[in-house]
C-alpha atoms as a PDB file:
ATOM      1  CA  MET A   1      -8.888 -13.555  10.654  1.00  0.00           C
ATOM      2  CA  THR A   2      -8.072 -15.341   7.261  1.00  0.00           C
ATOM      3  CA  GLU A   3      -4.981 -16.813   5.609  1.00  0.00           C
ATOM      4  CA  ALA A   4      -4.578 -16.528   1.877  1.00  0.00           C
ATOM      5  CA  ALA A   5      -4.149 -19.950   0.257  1.00  0.00           C
ATOM      6  CA  GLY A   6      -0.624 -20.808  -0.595  1.00  0.00           C
ATOM      7  CA  SER A   7       0.787 -17.867   1.393  1.00  0.00           C
ATOM      8  CA  LYS A   8       1.517 -16.883   4.950  1.00  0.00           C
ATOM      9  CA  LEU A   9      -0.529 -13.699   4.753  1.00  0.00           C
ATOM     10  CA  PHE A  10      -2.429 -12.879   7.819  1.00  0.00           C
ATOM     11  CA  THR A  11      -5.368 -10.651   7.378  1.00  0.00           C
ATOM     12  CA  PRO A  12      -6.747  -9.213  10.683  1.00  0.00           C
ATOM     13  CA  ASP A  13     -10.301  -8.466  11.527  1.00  0.00           C
ATOM     14  CA  LEU A  14     -10.088  -4.640  11.825  1.00  0.00           C
ATOM     15  CA  VAL A  15     -12.153  -2.100  13.504  1.00  0.00           C
ATOM     16  CA  SER A  16     -13.361   0.147  10.565  1.00  0.00           C
ATOM     17  CA  PRO A  17     -10.845  -1.111   8.007  1.00  0.00           C
ATOM     18  CA  LYS A  18     -12.000   1.690   5.605  1.00  0.00           C
ATOM     19  CA  ARG A  19     -10.859   4.952   6.999  1.00  0.00           C
ATOM     20  CA  THR A  20     -10.800   8.533   5.919  1.00  0.00           C
ATOM     21  CA  ILE A  21      -7.739  10.186   7.610  1.00  0.00           C
ATOM     22  CA  GLY A  22      -7.626  13.816   6.787  1.00  0.00           C
ATOM     23  CA  ARG A  23      -8.115  14.118   2.969  1.00  0.00           C
ATOM     24  CA  ARG A  24      -7.234  10.513   2.220  1.00  0.00           C
ATOM     25  CA  THR A  25      -9.390   7.299   2.310  1.00  0.00           C
ATOM     26  CA  PHE A  26      -7.607   4.035   2.951  1.00  0.00           C
ATOM     27  CA  ASP A  27      -9.065   0.365   2.903  1.00  0.00           C
ATOM     28  CA  PHE A  28      -6.672  -1.251   5.317  1.00  0.00           C
ATOM     29  CA  ALA A  29      -8.216  -4.678   4.458  1.00  0.00           C
ATOM     30  CA  ARG A  30      -6.146  -4.596   1.317  1.00  0.00           C
ATOM     31  CA  GLN A  31      -3.939  -1.459   1.156  1.00  0.00           C
ATOM     32  CA  VAL A  32      -0.806  -0.323   2.770  1.00  0.00           C
ATOM     33  CA  ALA A  33       0.163   3.215   3.533  1.00  0.00           C
ATOM     34  CA  VAL A  34       3.747   4.406   3.291  1.00  0.00           C
ATOM     35  CA  MET A  35       4.748   6.907   5.940  1.00  0.00           C
ATOM     36  CA  ALA A  36       7.749   9.112   5.221  1.00  0.00           C
ATOM     37  CA  ILE A  37       9.756  10.259   8.280  1.00  0.00           C
ATOM     38  CA  ILE A  38      10.667  14.012   8.435  1.00  0.00           C
ATOM     39  CA  ASN A  39      12.560  14.899  11.453  1.00  0.00           C
ATOM     40  CA  ARG A  40      13.291  18.546  12.394  1.00  0.00           C
ATOM     41  CA  THR A  41      16.017  17.656  14.910  1.00  0.00           C
ATOM     42  CA  PRO A  42      19.753  18.104  14.848  1.00  0.00           C
ATOM     43  CA  ASP A  43      20.344  14.686  16.292  1.00  0.00           C
ATOM     44  CA  SER A  44      17.880  12.204  14.875  1.00  0.00           C
ATOM     45  CA  PHE A  45      19.212   8.687  14.926  1.00  0.00           C
ATOM     46  CA  HIS A  46      19.220   8.124  11.215  1.00  0.00           C
ATOM     47  CA  ASP A  47      19.318  11.534   9.428  1.00  0.00           C
ATOM     48  CA  ARG A  48      21.662  13.257  11.856  1.00  0.00           C
ATOM     49  CA  GLY A  49      20.178  16.642  11.260  1.00  0.00           C
ATOM     50  CA  ARG A  50      19.911  16.450   7.524  1.00  0.00           C
ATOM     51  CA  THR A  51      16.406  17.726   7.666  1.00  0.00           C
ATOM     52  CA  PHE A  52      16.743  20.039  10.747  1.00  0.00           C
ATOM     53  CA  ALA A  53      16.735  23.358   8.717  1.00  0.00           C
ATOM     54  CA  LEU A  54      13.296  24.218   7.669  1.00  0.00           C
ATOM     55  CA  ASP A  55      14.146  24.647   3.958  1.00  0.00           C
ATOM     56  CA  SER A  56      15.779  21.127   4.092  1.00  0.00           C
ATOM     57  CA  ALA A  57      12.731  19.690   5.816  1.00  0.00           C
ATOM     58  CA  VAL A  58      10.439  21.156   3.230  1.00  0.00           C
ATOM     59  CA  ARG A  59      12.596  19.742   0.332  1.00  0.00           C
ATOM     60  CA  ALA A  60      12.369  16.353   2.111  1.00  0.00           C
ATOM     61  CA  VAL A  61       8.614  16.733   2.215  1.00  0.00           C
ATOM     62  CA  GLU A  62       8.624  17.422  -1.566  1.00  0.00           C
ATOM     63  CA  ASP A  63      10.932  14.538  -2.291  1.00  0.00           C
ATOM     64  CA  ALA A  64       8.730  12.089  -0.236  1.00  0.00           C
ATOM     65  CA  LEU A  65       5.636  13.259  -2.130  1.00  0.00           C
ATOM     66  CA  SER A  66       7.429  12.828  -5.468  1.00  0.00           C
ATOM     67  CA  HIS A  67       8.176   9.325  -4.647  1.00  0.00           C
ATOM     68  CA  GLU A  68       4.472   8.674  -3.842  1.00  0.00           C
ATOM     69  CA  ALA A  69       4.407   8.752   0.052  1.00  0.00           C
ATOM     70  CA  ASP A  70       0.950   8.494   1.316  1.00  0.00           C
ATOM     71  CA  TRP A  71       1.751  10.000   4.851  1.00  0.00           C
ATOM     72  CA  LEU A  72       4.244  12.472   6.296  1.00  0.00           C
ATOM     73  CA  ASP A  73       5.328  11.909   9.900  1.00  0.00           C
ATOM     74  CA  ILE A  74       6.971  15.127  11.360  1.00  0.00           C
ATOM     75  CA  GLY A  75       8.758  15.294  14.615  1.00  0.00           C
ATOM     76  CA  GLY A  76      10.643  17.828  16.526  1.00  0.00           C
ATOM     77  CA  VAL A  77      11.859  15.967  19.653  1.00  0.00           C
ATOM     78  CA  PRO A  78      14.069  12.872  19.418  1.00  0.00           C
ATOM     79  CA  PHE A  79      13.027   9.822  21.409  1.00  0.00           C
ATOM     80  CA  SER A  80      16.323   9.135  22.972  1.00  0.00           C
ATOM     81  CA  PRO A  81      17.133  10.532  26.406  1.00  0.00           C
ATOM     82  CA  ASP A  82      20.732  10.939  25.500  1.00  0.00           C
ATOM     83  CA  THR A  83      20.009  14.158  23.581  1.00  0.00           C
ATOM     84  CA  PRO A  84      19.462  17.545  24.949  1.00  0.00           C
ATOM     85  CA  PRO A  85      15.834  18.441  26.183  1.00  0.00           C
ATOM     86  CA  VAL A  86      13.695  20.516  23.888  1.00  0.00           C
ATOM     87  CA  SER A  87      11.277  23.086  25.389  1.00  0.00           C
ATOM     88  CA  ARG A  88       7.731  23.011  24.351  1.00  0.00           C
ATOM     89  CA  GLN A  89       8.121  26.351  22.445  1.00  0.00           C
ATOM     90  CA  GLU A  90      11.061  25.054  20.615  1.00  0.00           C
ATOM     91  CA  GLU A  91       9.210  21.914  19.683  1.00  0.00           C
ATOM     92  CA  MET A  92       6.442  24.106  18.339  1.00  0.00           C
ATOM     93  CA  ASP A  93       8.939  26.372  16.443  1.00  0.00           C
ATOM     94  CA  ARG A  94      10.365  23.240  14.706  1.00  0.00           C
ATOM     95  CA  VAL A  95       7.054  21.447  14.030  1.00  0.00           C
ATOM     96  CA  LEU A  96       4.413  23.950  13.141  1.00  0.00           C
ATOM     97  CA  PRO A  97       6.115  25.639  10.289  1.00  0.00           C
ATOM     98  CA  LEU A  98       6.755  22.393   8.544  1.00  0.00           C
ATOM     99  CA  VAL A  99       3.280  21.144   9.094  1.00  0.00           C
ATOM    100  CA  GLU A 100       1.870  24.383   7.500  1.00  0.00           C
ATOM    101  CA  ALA A 101       4.303  24.095   4.621  1.00  0.00           C
ATOM    102  CA  ALA A 102       3.450  20.422   4.074  1.00  0.00           C
ATOM    103  CA  ARG A 103      -0.402  21.080   4.269  1.00  0.00           C
ATOM    104  CA  ALA A 104      -0.016  23.808   1.687  1.00  0.00           C
ATOM    105  CA  ARG A 105       1.608  21.340  -0.754  1.00  0.00           C
ATOM    106  CA  THR A 106      -0.329  18.076  -0.274  1.00  0.00           C
ATOM    107  CA  GLY A 107      -3.535  16.261   0.631  1.00  0.00           C
ATOM    108  CA  ALA A 108      -1.529  13.379   1.966  1.00  0.00           C
ATOM    109  CA  VAL A 109      -1.848  12.401   5.670  1.00  0.00           C
ATOM    110  CA  ILE A 110       0.183  14.438   8.058  1.00  0.00           C
ATOM    111  CA  SER A 111       1.015  13.079  11.600  1.00  0.00           C
ATOM    112  CA  VAL A 112       3.155  14.765  14.297  1.00  0.00           C
ATOM    113  CA  GLU A 113       5.148  12.722  16.686  1.00  0.00           C
ATOM    114  CA  THR A 114       4.751  14.227  20.176  1.00  0.00           C
ATOM    115  CA  TYR A 115       3.989  13.528  23.761  1.00  0.00           C
ATOM    116  CA  ASP A 116       3.166  17.101  24.702  1.00  0.00           C
ATOM    117  CA  PRO A 117      -0.652  17.805  24.709  1.00  0.00           C
ATOM    118  CA  GLU A 118      -0.280  21.527  23.869  1.00  0.00           C
ATOM    119  CA  VAL A 119       2.041  20.773  20.851  1.00  0.00           C
ATOM    120  CA  ALA A 120      -0.476  18.225  19.771  1.00  0.00           C
ATOM    121  CA  ARG A 121      -3.274  20.767  19.896  1.00  0.00           C
ATOM    122  CA  ALA A 122      -1.277  23.371  17.880  1.00  0.00           C
ATOM    123  CA  ALA A 123      -0.253  20.716  15.428  1.00  0.00           C
ATOM    124  CA  VAL A 124      -3.801  19.821  14.496  1.00  0.00           C
ATOM    125  CA  ALA A 125      -4.669  23.582  14.391  1.00  0.00           C
ATOM    126  CA  ALA A 126      -1.650  23.956  11.894  1.00  0.00           C
ATOM    127  CA  GLY A 127      -3.020  21.093   9.593  1.00  0.00           C
ATOM    128  CA  ALA A 128      -2.009  17.711  11.143  1.00  0.00           C
ATOM    129  CA  ASP A 129      -4.382  14.854  10.921  1.00  0.00           C
ATOM    130  CA  VAL A 130      -2.873  12.399  13.271  1.00  0.00           C
ATOM    131  CA  ILE A 131      -0.999  12.453  16.622  1.00  0.00           C
ATOM    132  CA  ASN A 132       1.760   9.819  16.707  1.00  0.00           C
ATOM    133  CA  ASN A 133       2.535   9.190  20.369  1.00  0.00           C
ATOM    134  CA  VAL A 134       5.533   6.851  20.961  1.00  0.00           C
ATOM    135  CA  THR A 135       4.967   6.724  24.715  1.00  0.00           C
ATOM    136  CA  GLY A 136       1.801   4.588  25.009  1.00  0.00           C
ATOM    137  CA  LEU A 137      -0.381   7.603  25.976  1.00  0.00           C
ATOM    138  CA  HIS A 138       1.645   8.042  29.098  1.00  0.00           C
ATOM    139  CA  ASP A 139      -0.193  11.411  29.538  1.00  0.00           C
ATOM    140  CA  LEU A 140      -3.839  10.879  29.184  1.00  0.00           C
ATOM    141  CA  ALA A 141      -4.224  14.638  28.613  1.00  0.00           C
ATOM    142  CA  LEU A 142      -2.830  13.899  25.076  1.00  0.00           C
ATOM    143  CA  ALA A 143      -5.821  11.529  24.605  1.00  0.00           C
ATOM    144  CA  ASP A 144      -8.181  14.443  25.618  1.00  0.00           C
ATOM    145  CA  VAL A 145      -6.616  16.746  22.947  1.00  0.00           C
ATOM    146  CA  VAL A 146      -7.013  14.096  20.365  1.00  0.00           C
ATOM    147  CA  ALA A 147     -10.755  13.552  21.363  1.00  0.00           C
ATOM    148  CA  GLU A 148     -11.312  17.334  21.302  1.00  0.00           C
ATOM    149  CA  THR A 149      -9.645  18.126  18.002  1.00  0.00           C
ATOM    150  CA  GLY A 150     -11.090  15.147  15.966  1.00  0.00           C
ATOM    151  CA  ALA A 151      -7.622  13.902  15.122  1.00  0.00           C
ATOM    152  CA  HIS A 152      -6.552  10.227  14.779  1.00  0.00           C
ATOM    153  CA  VAL A 153      -3.912   8.833  17.250  1.00  0.00           C
ATOM    154  CA  ILE A 154      -1.239   6.200  16.962  1.00  0.00           C
ATOM    155  CA  ILE A 155      -0.632   4.340  20.257  1.00  0.00           C
ATOM    156  CA  THR A 156       2.773   2.790  20.559  1.00  0.00           C
ATOM    157  CA  HIS A 157       4.067   0.113  23.013  1.00  0.00           C
ATOM    158  CA  SER A 158       6.706   1.783  25.137  1.00  0.00           C
ATOM    159  CA  LEU A 159       7.364   0.925  28.782  1.00  0.00           C
ATOM    160  CA  ALA A 160       9.242   4.161  29.722  1.00  0.00           C
ATOM    161  CA  ALA A 161       8.035   7.618  30.415  1.00  0.00           C
ATOM    162  CA  PRO A 162       8.984  10.105  27.645  1.00  0.00           C
ATOM    163  CA  ARG A 163      12.717  10.504  27.266  1.00  0.00           C
ATOM    164  CA  THR A 164      13.448   8.131  30.095  1.00  0.00           C
ATOM    165  CA  ARG A 165      16.192   5.560  29.954  1.00  0.00           C
ATOM    166  CA  TYR A 166      14.886   1.816  30.407  1.00  0.00           C
ATOM    167  CA  PRO A 167      17.984  -0.319  30.651  1.00  0.00           C
ATOM    168  CA  ARG A 168      17.980  -4.153  30.000  1.00  0.00           C
ATOM    169  CA  PRO A 169      14.212  -4.644  29.385  1.00  0.00           C
ATOM    170  CA  THR A 170      12.904  -8.028  30.049  1.00  0.00           C
ATOM    171  CA  TYR A 171       9.741  -9.933  28.834  1.00  0.00           C
ATOM    172  CA  GLU A 172       8.530 -13.397  29.550  1.00  0.00           C
ATOM    173  CA  ASP A 173       6.280 -13.228  26.396  1.00  0.00           C
ATOM    174  CA  VAL A 174       7.172 -10.295  24.406  1.00  0.00           C
ATOM    175  CA  ALA A 175       4.250 -10.481  21.823  1.00  0.00           C
ATOM    176  CA  GLY A 176       1.649 -11.365  24.447  1.00  0.00           C
ATOM    177  CA  GLU A 177       2.820  -8.494  26.751  1.00  0.00           C
ATOM    178  CA  VAL A 178       2.910  -6.048  23.988  1.00  0.00           C
ATOM    179  CA  ALA A 179      -0.595  -7.019  22.793  1.00  0.00           C
ATOM    180  CA  ALA A 180      -1.948  -6.777  26.368  1.00  0.00           C
ATOM    181  CA  PHE A 181      -0.436  -3.282  26.784  1.00  0.00           C
ATOM    182  CA  LEU A 182      -1.930  -1.985  23.551  1.00  0.00           C
ATOM    183  CA  ARG A 183      -5.314  -3.367  24.430  1.00  0.00           C
ATOM    184  CA  ASP A 184      -5.135  -1.568  27.787  1.00  0.00           C
ATOM    185  CA  ARG A 185      -4.099   1.663  26.162  1.00  0.00           C
ATOM    186  CA  VAL A 186      -6.726   1.465  23.562  1.00  0.00           C
ATOM    187  CA  GLU A 187      -9.332   1.131  26.291  1.00  0.00           C
ATOM    188  CA  ALA A 188      -7.769   4.144  27.877  1.00  0.00           C
ATOM    189  CA  ALA A 189      -8.171   6.066  24.658  1.00  0.00           C
ATOM    190  CA  LEU A 190     -11.713   4.948  24.205  1.00  0.00           C
ATOM    191  CA  GLY A 191     -12.533   5.945  27.836  1.00  0.00           C
ATOM    192  CA  ARG A 192     -11.303   9.449  27.088  1.00  0.00           C
ATOM    193  CA  GLY A 193     -13.613   9.870  24.168  1.00  0.00           C
ATOM    194  CA  ILE A 194     -11.484   8.778  21.176  1.00  0.00           C
ATOM    195  CA  PRO A 195     -13.616   6.908  18.769  1.00  0.00           C
ATOM    196  CA  ALA A 196     -12.391   3.434  17.758  1.00  0.00           C
ATOM    197  CA  ASP A 197     -12.266   4.375  14.069  1.00  0.00           C
ATOM    198  CA  ARG A 198      -9.517   6.982  15.049  1.00  0.00           C
ATOM    199  CA  ILE A 199      -7.065   4.625  16.709  1.00  0.00           C
ATOM    200  CA  ILE A 200      -4.000   3.097  15.198  1.00  0.00           C
ATOM    201  CA  ILE A 201      -1.571   0.858  17.033  1.00  0.00           C
ATOM    202  CA  ASP A 202       2.251   0.320  16.863  1.00  0.00           C
ATOM    203  CA  PRO A 203       4.166  -2.435  18.547  1.00  0.00           C
ATOM    204  CA  GLY A 204       7.243  -0.186  18.999  1.00  0.00           C
ATOM    205  CA  HIS A 205      10.100  -2.213  17.589  1.00  0.00           C
ATOM    206  CA  ASP A 206      13.257  -1.509  19.496  1.00  0.00           C
ATOM    207  CA  LEU A 207      11.531   0.840  21.993  1.00  0.00           C
ATOM    208  CA  ASN A 208      12.563  -0.616  25.308  1.00  0.00           C
ATOM    209  CA  LYS A 209      13.307  -3.852  23.515  1.00  0.00           C
ATOM    210  CA  ASN A 210      16.489  -5.537  22.561  1.00  0.00           C
ATOM    211  CA  THR A 211      17.140  -7.257  19.246  1.00  0.00           C
ATOM    212  CA  TYR A 212      15.864 -10.635  20.266  1.00  0.00           C
ATOM    213  CA  HIS A 213      12.705  -8.959  21.457  1.00  0.00           C
ATOM    214  CA  SER A 214      12.073  -7.070  18.081  1.00  0.00           C
ATOM    215  CA  LEU A 215      12.876 -10.105  16.101  1.00  0.00           C
ATOM    216  CA  GLU A 216      10.429 -12.335  18.044  1.00  0.00           C
ATOM    217  CA  LEU A 217       7.800  -9.506  18.052  1.00  0.00           C
ATOM    218  CA  THR A 218       8.192  -9.373  14.155  1.00  0.00           C
ATOM    219  CA  ARG A 219       7.803 -13.144  13.884  1.00  0.00           C
ATOM    220  CA  ARG A 220       4.773 -13.001  15.915  1.00  0.00           C
ATOM    221  CA  LEU A 221       3.341  -9.635  14.715  1.00  0.00           C
ATOM    222  CA  ALA A 222       0.059 -11.329  13.714  1.00  0.00           C
ATOM    223  CA  GLU A 223      -0.760 -11.471  17.336  1.00  0.00           C
ATOM    224  CA  ILE A 224      -0.464  -7.720  17.609  1.00  0.00           C
ATOM    225  CA  ALA A 225      -2.460  -7.209  14.505  1.00  0.00           C
ATOM    226  CA  ALA A 226      -5.230  -9.364  16.006  1.00  0.00           C
ATOM    227  CA  VAL A 227      -5.812  -6.562  18.630  1.00  0.00           C
ATOM    228  CA  GLY A 228      -7.986  -5.377  15.775  1.00  0.00           C
ATOM    229  CA  TYR A 229      -6.838  -1.794  14.925  1.00  0.00           C
ATOM    230  CA  PRO A 230      -4.821  -0.837  11.792  1.00  0.00           C
ATOM    231  CA  MET A 231      -1.108  -1.449  12.760  1.00  0.00           C
ATOM    232  CA  LEU A 232       1.825   0.633  12.019  1.00  0.00           C
ATOM    233  CA  ALA A 233       5.270  -1.005  11.649  1.00  0.00           C
ATOM    234  CA  ALA A 234       8.114   1.399  12.420  1.00  0.00           C
ATOM    235  CA  VAL A 235      11.152  -0.682  11.596  1.00  0.00           C
ATOM    236  CA  SER A 236      13.116   1.534   9.237  1.00  0.00           C
ATOM    237  CA  ASN A 237      16.893   1.220   9.663  1.00  0.00           C
ATOM    238  CA  LYS A 238      16.514   0.308  13.347  1.00  0.00           C
ATOM    239  CA  ASP A 239      19.169  -1.334  15.455  1.00  0.00           C
ATOM    240  CA  PHE A 240      17.531  -4.757  15.402  1.00  0.00           C
ATOM    241  CA  ILE A 241      18.054  -4.792  11.707  1.00  0.00           C
ATOM    242  CA  GLY A 242      21.636  -3.492  11.884  1.00  0.00           C
ATOM    243  CA  GLU A 243      22.573  -6.053  14.582  1.00  0.00           C
ATOM    244  CA  THR A 244      20.930  -8.874  12.685  1.00  0.00           C
ATOM    245  CA  ILE A 245      22.672  -8.275   9.358  1.00  0.00           C
ATOM    246  CA  ASP A 246      25.781  -6.582  10.765  1.00  0.00           C
ATOM    247  CA  ARG A 247      25.219  -3.390   8.825  1.00  0.00           C
ATOM    248  CA  PRO A 248      25.942   0.237  10.010  1.00  0.00           C
ATOM    249  CA  GLN A 249      23.238   2.828  10.150  1.00  0.00           C
ATOM    250  CA  ARG A 250      23.308   3.915   6.557  1.00  0.00           C
ATOM    251  CA  GLU A 251      23.462   0.473   5.040  1.00  0.00           C
ATOM    252  CA  ARG A 252      20.128  -1.078   6.178  1.00  0.00           C
ATOM    253  CA  VAL A 253      17.942  -0.409   3.294  1.00  0.00           C
ATOM    254  CA  GLU A 254      17.671  -3.984   2.120  1.00  0.00           C
ATOM    255  CA  GLY A 255      17.202  -5.260   5.652  1.00  0.00           C
ATOM    256  CA  THR A 256      14.502  -2.652   6.224  1.00  0.00           C
ATOM    257  CA  ILE A 257      12.695  -3.583   3.015  1.00  0.00           C
ATOM    258  CA  ALA A 258      12.704  -7.370   4.094  1.00  0.00           C
ATOM    259  CA  ALA A 259      11.363  -6.467   7.360  1.00  0.00           C
ATOM    260  CA  VAL A 260       8.584  -4.225   5.931  1.00  0.00           C
ATOM    261  CA  VAL A 261       7.386  -6.887   3.485  1.00  0.00           C
ATOM    262  CA  PHE A 262       7.352  -9.467   6.383  1.00  0.00           C
ATOM    263  CA  CYS A 263       5.370  -7.126   8.532  1.00  0.00           C
ATOM    264  CA  ILE A 264       2.752  -6.534   5.769  1.00  0.00           C
ATOM    265  CA  MET A 265       2.365 -10.249   5.575  1.00  0.00           C
ATOM    266  CA  GLN A 266       1.760 -10.343   9.170  1.00  0.00           C
ATOM    267  CA  GLY A 267      -0.888  -7.628   9.184  1.00  0.00           C
ATOM    268  CA  ALA A 268       0.923  -4.238   9.226  1.00  0.00           C
ATOM    269  CA  ARG A 269      -0.969  -1.770   7.094  1.00  0.00           C
ATOM    270  CA  ILE A 270       1.128   1.478   7.595  1.00  0.00           C
ATOM    271  CA  VAL A 271       4.969   1.301   7.284  1.00  0.00           C
ATOM    272  CA  ARG A 272       7.058   4.261   8.688  1.00  0.00           C
ATOM    273  CA  VAL A 273      10.383   4.579   6.721  1.00  0.00           C
ATOM    274  CA  HIS A 274      13.244   6.865   5.777  1.00  0.00           C
ATOM    275  CA  ASP A 275      13.837   5.481   2.213  1.00  0.00           C
ATOM    276  CA  VAL A 276      10.555   6.274   0.528  1.00  0.00           C
ATOM    277  CA  ARG A 277      11.308   5.427  -3.146  1.00  0.00           C
ATOM    278  CA  GLU A 278      12.694   2.002  -2.364  1.00  0.00           C
ATOM    279  CA  THR A 279       9.918   1.219  -0.022  1.00  0.00           C
ATOM    280  CA  VAL A 280       7.064   2.354  -2.097  1.00  0.00           C
ATOM    281  CA  ALA A 281       8.278  -0.026  -4.860  1.00  0.00           C
ATOM    282  CA  ALA A 282       8.435  -2.888  -2.411  1.00  0.00           C
ATOM    283  CA  VAL A 283       5.060  -2.272  -0.888  1.00  0.00           C
ATOM    284  CA  ARG A 284       3.424  -1.673  -4.314  1.00  0.00           C
ATOM    285  CA  MET A 285       4.929  -4.995  -5.584  1.00  0.00           C
ATOM    286  CA  THR A 286       3.707  -6.724  -2.507  1.00  0.00           C
ATOM    287  CA  GLU A 287       0.177  -5.474  -2.976  1.00  0.00           C
ATOM    288  CA  GLY A 288       0.295  -6.548  -6.607  1.00  0.00           C
ATOM    289  CA  ILE A 289       1.377 -10.075  -5.629  1.00  0.00           C
ATOM    290  CA  LEU A 290      -1.361 -10.213  -3.046  1.00  0.00           C
ATOM    291  CA  GLY A 291      -3.916  -9.178  -5.718  1.00  0.00           C
ATOM    292  CA  TRP A 292      -4.683  -5.947  -3.949  1.00  0.00           C
ATOM    293  CA  ARG A 293      -3.452  -3.636  -6.714  1.00  0.00           C
ATOM    294  CA  PRO A 294      -3.532  -4.090 -10.506  1.00  0.00           C
ATOM    295  CA  PRO A 295      -0.303  -3.728 -12.442  1.00  0.00           C
ATOM    296  CA  ALA A 296       0.428  -0.220 -13.738  1.00  0.00           C
ATOM    297  CA  HIS A 297       0.471  -1.670 -17.333  1.00  0.00           C
ATOM    298  CA  THR A 298       0.517  -5.146 -18.871  1.00  0.00           C
ATOM    299  CA  ARG A 299       2.350  -5.153 -22.095  1.00  0.00           C
ATOM    300  CA  HIS A 300       4.475  -8.236 -21.568  1.00  0.00           C
ATOM    301  CA  ASN A 301       3.487 -11.259 -23.874  1.00  0.00           C
ATOM    302  CA  LEU A 302       0.477  -9.575 -25.028  1.00  0.00           C
END
C-alpha cells in the first residue's frame, strides 16, 4: 500500500492488477474502468423503465459506447423486493438478446447482474465476460458456474438473501464488517475453483445500509480496497447521495461525480454509473491529475 506525496491517494496492493477481461486489458494499478448501467427492467430505481424495451436498451448501449464507456453492466431483475418477481425465463428473455446485441457492437467488457446460476451460464454463452452478483454469492452454485465458464465475478457485500427486505440494518464497525464479509466470500469463491485473478469486490453502497453507513464506508473505503482485489464502487445516484445533498433522484449527477472521484482516491478501480459522459470526463481528469494518463493534447502556452 502506498500514498502519493501531497495527496490522499490510496493505492492498494492488488492480486493481479493487470487483467484481461474479455477482449479488454486493464492495469488497475493506474487505471479506472467506467461501467455503464443498462437495465432491462420496467421499474429500475433510476431509469424507471427508460431502457426496458430492447430497442431502447440497444440505443443506451450505443450511447454509452459513444461516450467511451469501458464496460456495460446489463440487468434484468431489480434488486428491490418491492417490485414484482421475475421468472428465470423472463430474466433470460430480457438479458440475453441485449448481451448478444452488445457483443456484436463492441469489445468492451460486458457483465450481467444476476443471482440465478442458469441465467449466468446462459449469459456467458451469449457473450458476457463477468457475472455481477449483488448478493454476496448467497448461492454458491453461481460460483460453480463462474468457475466452469471462465467468467470473472463481482462479489458484493449484502446481508440479505436475493430480493429480501432487511429493515434497519445495524453495524458496530461498518467498514471492518464489510471487509471481513468480502474476505470470507472471496475464500468461498476460491474454494469453488474461481481463480484469484478473476475476482472483483464491491462494498455494496446502500445495500442493507443506511446513509450514515454508506458515508462512513466511503470515508473508509481504503480498508475495503486493502482486501486486495480490484474494487468496484457502485454509488451512482444512490439514496445516500440524495439524502446527503437533499436532491431528488434525477438531480444527483454532481454528488455522484464527487463520490466517484473520492472512491477512486480511496482505491476504487471500477465505477458503475448511469451518467456515462459526465463520469468519463471526471475519471479521465482524475487519472490525468494522478499522472496515470497523458493529456489528450498540449497546446496551451506552447
